[in-house]
């Protein structure tokens, strides 16, 4: 009797397995199929979103470079842009509109139009991607455009500075530098490259080359204003050089101390004050003429990654997750002179916000976090990510910089 019972149990188990293989498991969806990586045929799990689901038509679901929008320019409710109106499908709709497919980024998504995430480098309206420039193989840390030139300069942790032809997108020169580039700016006629324990300077007009000494550790940030170059360093000091009117060369003017952590962001406001963001979680305000600290702004609980001036406001971002772990800020005006704030987030996206409402206009996506953002001319702007990818973008119409 016991043998017969065991035999019947084994037969029922085998029958259950056979039924699952032939007909699929009713209540469980294959997680490998969802990510586009299932290679089993037949598979014992569902290859559909529900037991009754049907393939979506192109008109119901598609990938595009813009959000799904209704005639009143607002994002459509999932009940109208996707099948049904359940809470689960609403979540899928929101995810589809705002999340880029990581498998597509790496070039191996096999789901195509059935994928629930974006197959696009951006989503939103009023801007487009112009080009992707390859060459660097580590994080891009600085982007600069010399005034009156058709060249674009990029500095990278791969110890090179590349010169790009702005019209063709071709790299026309690679300058090998003895050290990782921490920052890069142009202040005509000079190009300044922040290195470890030094700033390297090139004069575009005379081809003169200088090494500016004074910094201790990596130079993370630089800014220039009315003949004065400021460099934020790893030891928390801000080093200042003034241009000598006779020699037209920068000379050491001051070492501004106060921060207890590295200075990673610098900006000069319309009031001529210098603002510095630091790893010590503070922002210091400096008198640009006397080089004295006049205020210390507290509030962040992690590294102050970037500061930008807009009208009478100072905007700052931090790794403390105040917005979403912001890595960099930059400002630009659109063709209607409306200010837009660009925020690089640690989820590998750059978000565009209209000011002063902070309503989101769109998102740019990258394989890794974007550390460098630079505003160009005629509505162009540039982003460089941690893989070395440089991307050229353009707003509709002409634009100008927001930051002072």
Protein backbone atom coordinates (compact mmCIF):
# COMPACT_ATOMS: atom_id res chain seq x y z
CA UNK A 1 0.00 0.00 0.00
CA UNK A 2 2.81 2.43 0.90
CA UNK A 3 4.56 1.69 -2.39
CA UNK A 4 1.37 2.44 -4.37
CA UNK A 5 0.85 5.71 -2.49
CA UNK A 6 4.40 6.85 -3.20
CA UNK A 7 4.01 5.86 -6.85
CA UNK A 8 0.78 7.86 -7.22
CA UNK A 9 2.43 10.90 -5.55
CA UNK A 10 5.38 10.70 -7.93
CA UNK A 11 3.05 10.43 -10.92
CA UNK A 12 1.08 13.51 -9.83
CA UNK A 13 4.31 15.48 -9.32
CA UNK A 14 5.60 14.48 -12.75
CA UNK A 15 2.25 15.37 -14.33
CA UNK A 16 2.36 18.79 -12.63
CA UNK A 17 5.85 19.44 -13.98
CA UNK A 18 4.80 18.37 -17.48
CA UNK A 19 1.76 20.65 -17.34
CA UNK A 20 3.94 23.60 -16.32
CA UNK A 21 6.45 22.97 -19.09
CA UNK A 22 3.71 22.64 -21.71
CA UNK A 23 1.41 25.38 -20.60
CA UNK A 24 3.61 27.71 -18.54
CA UNK A 25 3.25 28.53 -14.85
CA UNK A 26 0.04 30.49 -14.43
CA UNK A 27 0.96 32.78 -11.54
CA UNK A 28 4.63 33.62 -12.00
CA UNK A 29 6.32 35.67 -14.72
CA UNK A 30 9.86 34.75 -15.83
CA UNK A 31 12.21 37.39 -14.41
CA UNK A 32 14.80 36.64 -17.11
CA UNK A 33 12.15 37.24 -19.80
CA UNK A 34 11.28 40.57 -18.16
CA UNK A 35 14.91 41.68 -18.51
CA UNK A 36 15.15 40.28 -22.04
CA UNK A 37 17.65 37.53 -21.17
CA UNK A 38 15.67 34.24 -21.02
CA UNK A 39 17.18 31.54 -23.26
CA UNK A 40 14.97 28.59 -22.26
CA UNK A 41 12.48 27.20 -24.78
CA UNK A 42 10.18 26.01 -23.44
CA UNK A 43 10.40 27.94 -20.17
CA UNK A 44 8.41 26.81 -17.12
CA UNK A 45 7.47 30.42 -16.29
CA UNK A 46 5.22 32.90 -18.05
CA UNK A 47 6.57 34.96 -20.93
CA UNK A 48 3.80 37.54 -20.56
CA UNK A 49 2.81 40.19 -18.05
CA UNK A 50 -0.38 38.37 -17.06
CA UNK A 51 -2.19 35.13 -18.02
CA UNK A 52 -4.45 37.07 -20.38
CA UNK A 53 -2.02 39.67 -21.68
CA UNK A 54 -1.66 40.23 -25.41
CA UNK A 55 1.14 41.81 -27.43
CA UNK A 56 0.89 45.60 -27.40
CA UNK A 57 0.33 47.41 -30.64
CA UNK A 58 2.67 50.15 -31.78
CA UNK A 59 -0.04 52.75 -31.19
CA UNK A 60 -0.48 51.60 -27.59
CA UNK A 61 3.16 51.48 -26.58
CA UNK A 62 6.32 52.69 -28.20
CA UNK A 63 9.75 54.10 -27.44
CA UNK A 64 10.37 57.68 -28.45
CA UNK A 65 12.64 60.60 -27.67
CA UNK A 66 9.85 62.46 -25.88
CA UNK A 67 7.43 61.82 -23.10
CA UNK A 68 3.92 60.61 -24.05
CA UNK A 69 1.96 63.88 -23.93
CA UNK A 70 -1.67 64.79 -24.41
CA UNK A 71 -2.96 67.77 -26.38
CA UNK A 72 -2.77 70.06 -23.33
CA UNK A 73 1.00 69.30 -23.10
CA UNK A 74 0.70 67.38 -19.84
CA UNK A 75 1.90 63.83 -19.33
CA UNK A 76 -0.90 61.41 -20.15
CA UNK A 77 -2.44 59.38 -17.37
CA UNK A 78 -1.53 55.71 -17.61
CA UNK A 79 -5.20 54.78 -17.90
CA UNK A 80 -5.23 56.37 -21.37
CA UNK A 81 -1.70 55.60 -22.54
CA UNK A 82 -1.60 51.94 -21.46
CA UNK A 83 -3.98 49.04 -21.24
CA UNK A 84 -6.51 49.24 -18.44
CA UNK A 85 -6.03 51.52 -15.45
CA UNK A 86 -4.76 49.41 -12.57
CA UNK A 87 -2.24 50.70 -10.05
CA UNK A 88 0.39 48.28 -11.34
CA UNK A 89 0.04 49.56 -14.91
CA UNK A 90 0.20 53.15 -13.64
CA UNK A 91 3.56 52.39 -12.08
CA UNK A 92 4.73 50.79 -15.33
CA UNK A 93 3.64 53.89 -17.29
CA UNK A 94 5.54 56.26 -15.03
CA UNK A 95 8.62 54.03 -15.14
CA UNK A 96 8.45 53.84 -18.92
CA UNK A 97 8.44 57.60 -19.27
CA UNK A 98 11.28 58.38 -16.85
CA UNK A 99 13.69 55.43 -16.80
CA UNK A 100 16.20 54.50 -19.48
CA UNK A 101 16.77 50.81 -20.17
CA UNK A 102 20.14 49.76 -18.75
CA UNK A 103 20.36 46.81 -21.15
CA UNK A 104 19.80 49.19 -24.07
CA UNK A 105 22.58 51.46 -22.75
CA UNK A 106 24.98 48.53 -22.86
CA UNK A 107 23.68 47.47 -26.29
CA UNK A 108 22.11 44.13 -25.38
CA UNK A 109 18.39 44.67 -24.76
CA UNK A 110 16.53 42.02 -26.77
CA UNK A 111 12.98 43.14 -25.95
CA UNK A 112 12.81 45.96 -28.47
CA UNK A 113 9.48 47.74 -28.46
CA UNK A 114 8.20 45.44 -25.71
CA UNK A 115 10.71 46.86 -23.24
CA UNK A 116 9.07 48.88 -20.48
CA UNK A 117 11.92 51.42 -20.29
CA UNK A 118 13.14 54.13 -22.64
CA UNK A 119 15.41 53.26 -25.54
CA UNK A 120 16.64 56.85 -25.79
CA UNK A 121 19.41 59.06 -24.44
CA UNK A 122 16.86 61.66 -23.31
CA UNK A 123 13.19 62.37 -22.73
CA UNK A 124 11.43 65.73 -22.74
CA UNK A 125 10.68 68.61 -25.10
CA UNK A 126 12.54 71.66 -26.33
CA UNK A 127 15.99 70.13 -26.80
CA UNK A 128 17.79 67.45 -28.81
CA UNK A 129 21.04 65.50 -28.91
CA UNK A 130 23.43 66.71 -31.62
CA UNK A 131 26.36 64.31 -31.31
CA UNK A 132 28.25 61.87 -29.10
CA UNK A 133 32.03 62.31 -29.20
CA UNK A 134 34.23 59.32 -28.35
CA UNK A 135 37.90 59.37 -27.37
CA UNK A 136 38.34 59.70 -23.62
CA UNK A 137 38.34 56.48 -21.59
CA UNK A 138 37.93 57.89 -18.07
CA UNK A 139 35.81 60.55 -16.40
CA UNK A 140 35.54 63.90 -18.18
CA UNK A 141 36.30 66.55 -15.52
CA UNK A 142 36.26 69.76 -17.53
CA UNK A 143 34.80 71.25 -20.72
CA UNK A 144 35.76 74.66 -22.11
CA UNK A 145 35.17 76.76 -25.22
CA UNK A 146 37.76 79.44 -26.01
CA UNK A 147 36.06 82.69 -27.02
CA UNK A 148 36.05 83.33 -30.75
CA UNK A 149 37.30 79.84 -31.54
CA UNK A 150 35.67 76.92 -33.32
CA UNK A 151 37.40 74.49 -30.94
CA UNK A 152 36.06 72.62 -27.92
CA UNK A 153 38.44 71.54 -25.14
CA UNK A 154 37.92 68.64 -22.74
CA UNK A 155 40.01 67.52 -19.78
CA UNK A 156 39.92 63.98 -18.42
CA UNK A 157 41.23 61.69 -15.71
CA UNK A 158 42.94 59.70 -18.48
CA UNK A 159 45.70 62.37 -18.28
CA UNK A 160 44.82 64.01 -21.58
CA UNK A 161 43.24 67.17 -22.91
CA UNK A 162 41.47 66.76 -26.23
CA UNK A 163 40.81 69.48 -28.79
CA UNK A 164 37.65 68.99 -30.90
CA UNK A 165 36.52 70.76 -34.04
CA UNK A 166 33.14 72.18 -33.06
CA UNK A 167 31.82 72.09 -36.63
CA UNK A 168 32.76 68.51 -37.52
CA UNK A 169 32.93 66.85 -34.09
CA UNK A 170 36.35 65.42 -34.94
CA UNK A 171 39.19 65.29 -32.41
CA UNK A 172 42.00 67.34 -33.95
CA UNK A 173 44.58 67.11 -31.17
CA UNK A 174 45.34 65.11 -28.02
CA UNK A 175 47.57 66.80 -25.42
CA UNK A 176 49.21 64.35 -23.03
CA UNK A 177 49.39 65.76 -19.52
CA UNK A 178 51.48 64.39 -16.66
CA UNK A 179 48.64 63.82 -14.24
CA UNK A 180 44.88 63.50 -13.94
CA UNK A 181 42.95 66.61 -14.96
CA UNK A 182 40.82 67.81 -12.04
CA UNK A 183 39.33 70.86 -13.75
CA UNK A 184 39.56 72.90 -16.95
CA UNK A 185 38.51 76.46 -17.81
CA UNK A 186 39.23 79.16 -20.40
CA UNK A 187 39.82 82.82 -19.61
CA UNK A 188 41.01 84.43 -22.83
CA UNK A 189 43.69 84.24 -23.94
CA UNK A 190 44.52 81.53 -21.38
CA UNK A 191 43.52 77.89 -20.97
CA UNK A 192 43.96 76.62 -17.40
CA UNK A 193 44.19 72.94 -16.46
CA UNK A 194 43.97 71.95 -12.79
CA UNK A 195 46.40 69.18 -11.86
CA UNK A 196 47.92 67.84 -8.64
CA UNK A 197 49.98 70.56 -6.90
CA UNK A 198 49.85 72.83 -9.94
CA UNK A 199 47.80 74.59 -12.60
CA UNK A 200 49.06 74.34 -16.16
CA UNK A 201 48.38 77.38 -18.37
CA UNK A 202 48.55 77.87 -22.15
CA UNK A 203 48.28 81.22 -23.92
CA UNK A 204 46.30 80.62 -27.12
CA UNK A 205 47.63 83.78 -28.79
CA UNK A 206 51.34 83.55 -27.98
CA UNK A 207 51.57 79.76 -27.43
CA UNK A 208 53.30 80.48 -24.09
CA UNK A 209 53.14 77.70 -21.52
CA UNK A 210 53.31 78.18 -17.74
CA UNK A 211 53.12 76.09 -14.57
CA UNK A 212 51.39 77.96 -11.75
CA UNK A 213 52.57 76.70 -8.37
CA UNK A 214 50.89 77.12 -4.99
CA UNK A 215 48.14 74.49 -4.84
CA UNK A 216 48.51 71.55 -2.44
CA UNK A 217 46.90 68.38 -3.75
CA UNK A 218 44.47 68.03 -6.66
CA UNK A 219 42.90 71.20 -8.09
CA UNK A 220 39.19 70.30 -8.20
CA UNK A 221 37.66 73.63 -9.28
CA UNK A 222 38.65 76.90 -10.94
CA UNK A 223 36.97 80.16 -11.88
CA UNK A 224 38.25 83.47 -13.25
CA UNK A 225 36.92 87.00 -12.85
CA UNK A 226 38.38 90.32 -14.02
CA UNK A 227 41.97 89.15 -14.30
CA UNK A 228 42.01 86.96 -11.20
CA UNK A 229 42.17 83.16 -11.35
CA UNK A 230 40.90 81.19 -8.33
CA UNK A 231 41.71 77.50 -7.82
CA UNK A 232 40.09 75.26 -5.19
CA UNK A 233 42.42 72.58 -3.88
CA UNK A 234 42.36 69.25 -2.11
CA UNK A 235 43.72 70.68 1.19
CA UNK A 236 40.87 73.23 1.44
CA UNK A 237 42.88 76.25 0.28
CA UNK A 238 41.77 78.60 -2.51
CA UNK A 239 44.80 79.90 -4.42
CA UNK A 240 44.46 83.18 -6.33
CA UNK A 241 46.62 84.53 -9.15
CA UNK A 242 46.41 88.03 -10.66
CA UNK A 243 47.29 88.86 -14.24
CA UNK A 244 50.33 91.11 -14.48
CA UNK A 245 49.54 93.91 -16.93
CA UNK A 246 53.18 94.21 -18.01
CA UNK A 247 53.97 90.55 -18.58
CA UNK A 248 50.36 89.43 -19.20
CA UNK A 249 51.16 86.41 -17.02
CA UNK A 250 49.35 85.28 -13.84
CA UNK A 251 51.22 85.87 -10.57
CA UNK A 252 50.43 84.42 -7.14
CA UNK A 253 48.26 86.89 -5.18
CA UNK A 254 46.83 85.02 -2.18
CA UNK A 255 46.20 81.69 -0.46
CA UNK A 256 42.72 81.83 1.05
CA UNK A 257 42.32 79.47 4.01
CA UNK A 258 39.19 78.58 5.95
CA UNK A 259 37.78 75.31 4.64
CA UNK A 260 38.72 72.13 6.49
CA UNK A 261 38.03 69.92 3.45
CA UNK A 262 38.78 70.04 -0.25
CA UNK A 263 37.21 72.84 -2.30
CA UNK A 264 35.27 71.23 -5.15
CA UNK A 265 33.19 74.14 -6.53
CA UNK A 266 33.74 77.86 -7.15
CA UNK A 267 31.63 80.65 -8.64
CA UNK A 268 31.74 84.46 -8.66
CA UNK A 269 28.34 86.15 -8.26
CA UNK A 270 27.01 89.40 -9.67
CA UNK A 271 27.94 91.09 -6.38
CA UNK A 272 31.58 90.16 -7.08
CA UNK A 273 31.66 87.80 -4.11
CA UNK A 274 33.36 84.44 -4.54
CA UNK A 275 31.39 81.39 -3.34
CA UNK A 276 33.18 78.11 -2.55
CA UNK A 277 31.63 74.70 -1.89
CA UNK A 278 33.65 72.19 0.08
CA UNK A 279 33.96 68.64 1.32
CA UNK A 280 33.56 70.08 4.83
CA UNK A 281 29.80 70.50 4.01
CA UNK A 282 29.94 74.32 4.04
CA UNK A 283 29.81 77.20 1.56
CA UNK A 284 32.09 80.14 2.24
CA UNK A 285 31.62 83.66 0.87
CA UNK A 286 34.78 85.60 0.07
CA UNK A 287 35.50 89.24 -0.77
CA UNK A 288 37.06 89.03 -4.20
CA UNK A 289 39.24 92.12 -3.67
CA UNK A 290 40.55 91.53 -0.14
CA UNK A 291 40.52 87.69 -0.35
CA UNK A 292 38.90 87.57 3.11
CA UNK A 293 36.07 85.21 4.14
CA UNK A 294 33.01 87.28 5.10
CA UNK A 295 30.36 84.55 5.61
CA UNK A 296 30.08 80.81 6.17
CA UNK A 297 26.86 79.13 5.04
CA UNK A 298 25.86 75.93 6.85
CA UNK A 299 22.98 73.59 6.12
CA UNK A 300 24.29 70.75 3.99
CA UNK A 301 25.30 67.50 5.68
CA UNK A 302 27.60 66.20 2.94
CA UNK A 303 29.98 67.45 0.24
CA UNK A 304 28.79 70.63 -1.52
CA UNK A 305 29.36 69.52 -5.09
CA UNK A 306 28.34 72.64 -7.00
CA UNK A 307 27.20 76.24 -6.58
CA UNK A 308 25.59 78.51 -9.17
CA UNK A 309 24.26 82.08 -9.06
CA UNK A 310 20.86 82.98 -10.48
CA UNK A 311 19.50 86.55 -10.10
CA UNK A 312 19.86 87.35 -6.39
CA UNK A 313 19.94 83.68 -5.40
CA UNK A 314 22.72 81.22 -4.73
CA UNK A 315 21.82 77.64 -5.64
CA UNK A 316 23.83 74.78 -4.19
CA UNK A 317 23.76 71.00 -4.46
CA UNK A 318 25.20 68.30 -2.27
CA UNK A 319 25.67 64.56 -1.88
CA UNK A 320 23.39 64.78 1.16
CA UNK A 321 20.48 63.95 -1.16
CA UNK A 322 18.77 67.33 -0.77
CA UNK A 323 17.34 66.87 -4.28
CA UNK A 324 18.73 63.45 -5.24
CA UNK A 325 22.43 63.46 -4.62
CA UNK A 326 23.23 66.25 -7.05
CA UNK A 327 26.73 66.20 -8.55
CA UNK A 328 26.78 69.40 -10.62
CA UNK A 329 24.66 72.43 -11.45
CA UNK A 330 24.59 74.66 -14.51
CA UNK A 331 22.20 77.30 -15.81
CA UNK A 332 21.01 78.39 -19.25
CA UNK A 333 18.22 80.51 -20.77
CA UNK A 334 15.99 79.10 -23.49
CA UNK A 335 14.92 80.93 -26.66
CA UNK A 336 12.18 82.76 -24.70
CA UNK A 337 14.73 83.94 -22.09
CA UNK A 338 13.31 81.55 -19.48
CA UNK A 339 15.96 80.24 -17.08
CA UNK A 340 16.62 76.49 -16.96
CA UNK A 341 18.61 74.73 -14.26
CA UNK A 342 20.59 71.62 -15.26
CA UNK A 343 21.16 69.19 -12.37
CA UNK A 344 23.45 66.19 -12.72
CA UNK A 345 22.25 63.41 -10.40
CA UNK A 346 24.00 60.33 -9.07
CA UNK A 347 21.46 58.11 -10.87
CA UNK A 348 23.34 58.82 -14.15
CA UNK A 349 20.84 61.41 -15.34
CA UNK A 350 20.81 65.18 -15.88
CA UNK A 351 17.48 66.80 -15.07
CA UNK A 352 16.29 70.07 -16.59
CA UNK A 353 14.15 72.30 -14.36
CA UNK A 354 12.32 75.50 -15.24
CA UNK A 355 13.01 78.34 -12.80
CA UNK A 356 11.60 79.55 -10.51
CA UNK A 357 8.91 76.83 -10.45
CA UNK A 358 11.40 73.91 -10.48
CA UNK A 359 9.00 71.99 -12.72
CA UNK A 360 10.88 69.29 -14.61
CA UNK A 361 11.30 69.88 -18.33
CA UNK A 362 13.17 66.71 -19.26
CA UNK A 363 16.04 64.35 -18.55
CA UNK A 364 19.30 63.37 -20.19
CA UNK A 365 20.75 59.91 -19.62
CA UNK A 366 24.34 58.64 -19.50
CA UNK A 367 26.09 55.33 -18.89
CA UNK A 368 27.72 56.76 -15.75
CA UNK A 369 27.37 59.91 -13.68
CA UNK A 370 27.86 63.25 -15.44
CA UNK A 371 30.58 65.28 -13.75
CA UNK A 372 31.05 68.11 -16.27
CA UNK A 373 28.44 70.41 -17.82
CA UNK A 374 29.30 73.40 -19.97
CA UNK A 375 27.17 76.01 -21.75
CA UNK A 376 28.13 76.88 -25.33
CA UNK A 377 26.76 79.29 -27.92
CA UNK A 378 23.58 79.22 -30.03
CA UNK A 379 21.75 77.04 -27.53
CA UNK A 380 24.40 74.32 -27.39
CA UNK A 381 25.49 72.71 -24.15
CA UNK A 382 27.79 69.81 -23.34
CA UNK A 383 27.93 66.95 -20.83
CA UNK A 384 30.80 64.61 -19.99
CA UNK A 385 30.32 61.42 -17.98
CA UNK A 386 32.52 59.07 -15.96
CA UNK A 387 33.09 56.73 -18.93
CA UNK A 388 34.68 59.53 -20.97
CA UNK A 389 31.63 60.04 -23.17
CA UNK A 390 31.17 63.63 -24.36
CA UNK A 391 27.69 64.57 -25.61
CA UNK A 392 26.61 67.69 -27.49
CA UNK A 393 23.03 68.94 -26.90
CA UNK A 394 21.00 71.85 -28.25
CA UNK A 395 18.01 73.77 -26.98
CA UNK A 396 15.42 74.86 -29.50
CA UNK A 397 16.33 78.39 -30.59
CA UNK A 398 19.22 80.35 -29.08
CA UNK A 399 20.21 80.37 -25.42
CA UNK A 400 22.59 82.01 -22.98
CA UNK A 401 24.21 81.21 -19.67
CA UNK A 402 22.28 81.73 -16.42
CA UNK A 403 25.16 81.65 -13.99
CA UNK A 404 27.18 84.77 -13.31
